[in-house]
Amino acid sequence: MKKRAIVSAAMTILLAIGLAGPALGAQAAILTKIKRVMITSNEQFGGCMASLVVSPDSMLQTCGAGWVSFSCTGDAMDPVRAYRMVDQAQLALARGSNVRVVFTDDQKHNGYCVVRQIQIMR
């Protein structure tokens, strides 16, 4: 009986610690097409972006209109991973494929939300 009470108390403490962690931003996903891909010569806009047919601010009003950043500067993720996502956006643009883009407003570049995942759809 005491073991159950101790385990229950420990689980409650762990759950409370987990819930009291850092606040995360909002996240959204949209099914869209890529209109344009941009790579910048400086750190503006996180170094690389994509323009989407369905604007990100239609799902998260805190995101900038029309564009998302991949954070190629490495501020929000590993730059190699960011450029791989840009590659996927370029492939979808060239093929005219739909993409599912998951983005978040917990980190932004010049007001534009950062992509966390991109999936090319058939």
C-alpha atoms as a PDB file:
ATOM      1  CA  MET A   1       0.000   0.000   0.000  1.00  0.00           C
ATOM      2  CA  LYS A   2       2.806   2.427   0.887  1.00  0.00           C
ATOM      3  CA  LYS A   3       4.616   1.559  -2.367  1.00  0.00           C
ATOM      4  CA  ARG A   4       1.552   2.561  -4.383  1.00  0.00           C
ATOM      5  CA  ALA A   5       1.279   5.862  -2.514  1.00  0.00           C
ATOM      6  CA  ILE A   6       4.980   6.599  -3.101  1.00  0.00           C
ATOM      7  CA  VAL A   7       4.758   5.692  -6.791  1.00  0.00           C
ATOM      8  CA  SER A   8       1.579   7.759  -7.153  1.00  0.00           C
ATOM      9  CA  ALA A   9       3.201  10.761  -5.472  1.00  0.00           C
ATOM     10  CA  ALA A  10       6.313  10.397  -7.643  1.00  0.00           C
ATOM     11  CA  MET A  11       4.201  10.245 -10.815  1.00  0.00           C
ATOM     12  CA  THR A  12       2.259  13.331  -9.732  1.00  0.00           C
ATOM     13  CA  ILE A  13       5.501  15.255  -9.160  1.00  0.00           C
ATOM     14  CA  LEU A  14       6.929  14.167 -12.529  1.00  0.00           C
ATOM     15  CA  LEU A  15       3.712  15.135 -14.280  1.00  0.00           C
ATOM     16  CA  ALA A  16       3.709  18.541 -12.575  1.00  0.00           C
ATOM     17  CA  ILE A  17       7.324  19.138 -13.591  1.00  0.00           C
ATOM     18  CA  GLY A  18       6.526  18.175 -17.166  1.00  0.00           C
ATOM     19  CA  LEU A  19       3.530  20.489 -17.321  1.00  0.00           C
ATOM     20  CA  ALA A  20       5.492  23.357 -15.811  1.00  0.00           C
ATOM     21  CA  GLY A  21       8.130  23.214 -18.561  1.00  0.00           C
ATOM     22  CA  PRO A  22       8.806  26.050 -20.963  1.00  0.00           C
ATOM     23  CA  ALA A  23       5.817  27.444 -22.820  1.00  0.00           C
ATOM     24  CA  LEU A  24       5.663  26.466 -26.463  1.00  0.00           C
ATOM     25  CA  GLY A  25       4.222  28.507 -29.276  1.00  0.00           C
ATOM     26  CA  ALA A  26       1.223  27.575 -31.320  1.00  0.00           C
ATOM     27  CA  GLN A  27       1.620  25.098 -34.164  1.00  0.00           C
ATOM     28  CA  ALA A  28      -0.440  24.608 -37.314  1.00  0.00           C
ATOM     29  CA  ALA A  29      -0.408  22.528 -40.489  1.00  0.00           C
ATOM     30  CA  ILE A  30      -1.692  23.394 -43.940  1.00  0.00           C
ATOM     31  CA  LEU A  31      -2.044  21.562 -47.236  1.00  0.00           C
ATOM     32  CA  THR A  32      -0.879  23.912 -49.984  1.00  0.00           C
ATOM     33  CA  LYS A  33       1.407  24.422 -52.960  1.00  0.00           C
ATOM     34  CA  ILE A  34       4.716  26.265 -53.094  1.00  0.00           C
ATOM     35  CA  LYS A  35       4.634  29.499 -55.129  1.00  0.00           C
ATOM     36  CA  ARG A  36       8.267  30.602 -54.705  1.00  0.00           C
ATOM     37  CA  VAL A  37      11.447  29.672 -52.856  1.00  0.00           C
ATOM     38  CA  MET A  38      13.888  32.347 -51.714  1.00  0.00           C
ATOM     39  CA  ILE A  39      17.478  32.103 -50.475  1.00  0.00           C
ATOM     40  CA  THR A  40      18.958  35.351 -49.138  1.00  0.00           C
ATOM     41  CA  SER A  41      22.584  36.479 -49.156  1.00  0.00           C
ATOM     42  CA  ASN A  42      22.348  37.549 -45.513  1.00  0.00           C
ATOM     43  CA  GLU A  43      20.508  36.466 -42.375  1.00  0.00           C
ATOM     44  CA  GLN A  44      17.320  38.311 -43.284  1.00  0.00           C
ATOM     45  CA  PHE A  45      14.206  36.112 -43.043  1.00  0.00           C
ATOM     46  CA  GLY A  46      16.341  33.297 -41.611  1.00  0.00           C
ATOM     47  CA  GLY A  47      18.276  32.967 -44.874  1.00  0.00           C
ATOM     48  CA  CYS A  48      15.629  31.001 -46.785  1.00  0.00           C
ATOM     49  CA  MET A  49      11.861  31.039 -47.196  1.00  0.00           C
ATOM     50  CA  ALA A  50       8.977  29.675 -49.225  1.00  0.00           C
ATOM     51  CA  SER A  51       5.886  31.467 -50.428  1.00  0.00           C
ATOM     52  CA  LEU A  52       2.748  29.359 -50.006  1.00  0.00           C
ATOM     53  CA  VAL A  53      -0.538  29.453 -51.927  1.00  0.00           C
ATOM     54  CA  VAL A  54      -2.435  29.159 -48.618  1.00  0.00           C
ATOM     55  CA  SER A  55      -1.118  31.866 -46.319  1.00  0.00           C
ATOM     56  CA  PRO A  56       0.195  30.717 -42.922  1.00  0.00           C
ATOM     57  CA  ASP A  57      -1.610  33.575 -41.191  1.00  0.00           C
ATOM     58  CA  SER A  58      -4.908  31.951 -42.201  1.00  0.00           C
ATOM     59  CA  MET A  59      -4.106  29.262 -39.611  1.00  0.00           C
ATOM     60  CA  LEU A  60      -1.979  31.220 -37.116  1.00  0.00           C
ATOM     61  CA  GLN A  61      -2.700  34.927 -37.049  1.00  0.00           C
ATOM     62  CA  THR A  62       0.668  35.554 -35.381  1.00  0.00           C
ATOM     63  CA  CYS A  63       2.508  34.442 -38.548  1.00  0.00           C
ATOM     64  CA  GLY A  64       3.469  36.771 -41.361  1.00  0.00           C
ATOM     65  CA  ALA A  65       1.372  36.628 -44.530  1.00  0.00           C
ATOM     66  CA  GLY A  66       2.219  34.361 -47.451  1.00  0.00           C
ATOM     67  CA  TRP A  67       5.670  33.117 -46.451  1.00  0.00           C
ATOM     68  CA  VAL A  68       7.332  30.715 -44.000  1.00  0.00           C
ATOM     69  CA  SER A  69      10.988  30.560 -43.000  1.00  0.00           C
ATOM     70  CA  PHE A  70      13.106  27.417 -42.892  1.00  0.00           C
ATOM     71  CA  SER A  71      15.691  29.094 -40.627  1.00  0.00           C
ATOM     72  CA  CYS A  72      18.734  28.274 -42.768  1.00  0.00           C
ATOM     73  CA  THR A  73      20.748  30.572 -40.489  1.00  0.00           C
ATOM     74  CA  GLY A  74      20.519  27.897 -37.803  1.00  0.00           C
ATOM     75  CA  ASP A  75      18.646  30.027 -35.270  1.00  0.00           C
ATOM     76  CA  ALA A  76      15.681  27.653 -34.973  1.00  0.00           C
ATOM     77  CA  MET A  77      17.226  24.367 -36.155  1.00  0.00           C
ATOM     78  CA  ASP A  78      20.299  22.772 -37.669  1.00  0.00           C
ATOM     79  CA  PRO A  79      21.072  24.585 -40.974  1.00  0.00           C
ATOM     80  CA  VAL A  80      21.639  21.301 -42.826  1.00  0.00           C
ATOM     81  CA  ARG A  81      18.152  20.127 -41.889  1.00  0.00           C
ATOM     82  CA  ALA A  82      16.734  23.530 -42.886  1.00  0.00           C
ATOM     83  CA  TYR A  83      18.345  23.340 -46.322  1.00  0.00           C
ATOM     84  CA  ARG A  84      16.987  19.823 -46.768  1.00  0.00           C
ATOM     85  CA  MET A  85      13.519  21.206 -46.169  1.00  0.00           C
ATOM     86  CA  VAL A  86      14.242  23.915 -48.758  1.00  0.00           C
ATOM     87  CA  ASP A  87      15.215  21.115 -51.159  1.00  0.00           C
ATOM     88  CA  GLN A  88      11.826  19.511 -50.554  1.00  0.00           C
ATOM     89  CA  ALA A  89      10.077  22.824 -51.200  1.00  0.00           C
ATOM     90  CA  GLN A  90      12.012  23.260 -54.456  1.00  0.00           C
ATOM     91  CA  LEU A  91      11.113  19.743 -55.556  1.00  0.00           C
ATOM     92  CA  ALA A  92       7.439  20.374 -54.817  1.00  0.00           C
ATOM     93  CA  LEU A  93       7.613  23.677 -56.706  1.00  0.00           C
ATOM     94  CA  ALA A  94       9.205  22.028 -59.754  1.00  0.00           C
ATOM     95  CA  ARG A  95       6.691  19.165 -59.729  1.00  0.00           C
ATOM     96  CA  GLY A  96       3.666  21.284 -58.881  1.00  0.00           C
ATOM     97  CA  SER A  97       2.994  18.936 -55.960  1.00  0.00           C
ATOM     98  CA  ASN A  98       0.944  19.656 -52.892  1.00  0.00           C
ATOM     99  CA  VAL A  99       2.822  19.896 -49.623  1.00  0.00           C
ATOM    100  CA  ARG A 100       1.789  19.584 -46.018  1.00  0.00           C
ATOM    101  CA  VAL A 101       3.654  22.242 -44.065  1.00  0.00           C
ATOM    102  CA  VAL A 102       3.792  22.201 -40.270  1.00  0.00           C
ATOM    103  CA  PHE A 103       4.942  25.491 -38.777  1.00  0.00           C
ATOM    104  CA  THR A 104       5.119  27.187 -35.408  1.00  0.00           C
ATOM    105  CA  ASP A 105       5.184  30.702 -34.060  1.00  0.00           C
ATOM    106  CA  ASP A 106       7.500  29.957 -31.131  1.00  0.00           C
ATOM    107  CA  GLN A 107      10.414  31.282 -33.208  1.00  0.00           C
ATOM    108  CA  LYS A 108      10.091  33.701 -36.103  1.00  0.00           C
ATOM    109  CA  HIS A 109      12.298  35.453 -38.615  1.00  0.00           C
ATOM    110  CA  ASN A 110      11.199  39.002 -39.398  1.00  0.00           C
ATOM    111  CA  GLY A 111       7.668  38.071 -38.309  1.00  0.00           C
ATOM    112  CA  TYR A 112       7.468  34.884 -40.413  1.00  0.00           C
ATOM    113  CA  CYS A 113       6.817  31.544 -38.727  1.00  0.00           C
ATOM    114  CA  VAL A 114       9.344  28.716 -38.914  1.00  0.00           C
ATOM    115  CA  VAL A 115       8.645  25.402 -40.640  1.00  0.00           C
ATOM    116  CA  ARG A 116       9.052  22.285 -38.485  1.00  0.00           C
ATOM    117  CA  GLN A 117       8.075  19.729 -41.133  1.00  0.00           C
ATOM    118  CA  ILE A 118       7.357  19.589 -44.851  1.00  0.00           C
ATOM    119  CA  GLN A 119       5.825  16.607 -46.639  1.00  0.00           C
ATOM    120  CA  ILE A 120       5.496  16.305 -50.401  1.00  0.00           C
ATOM    121  CA  MET A 121       2.144  14.829 -51.369  1.00  0.00           C
ATOM    122  CA  ARG A 122       1.350  12.808 -54.480  1.00  0.00           C
END
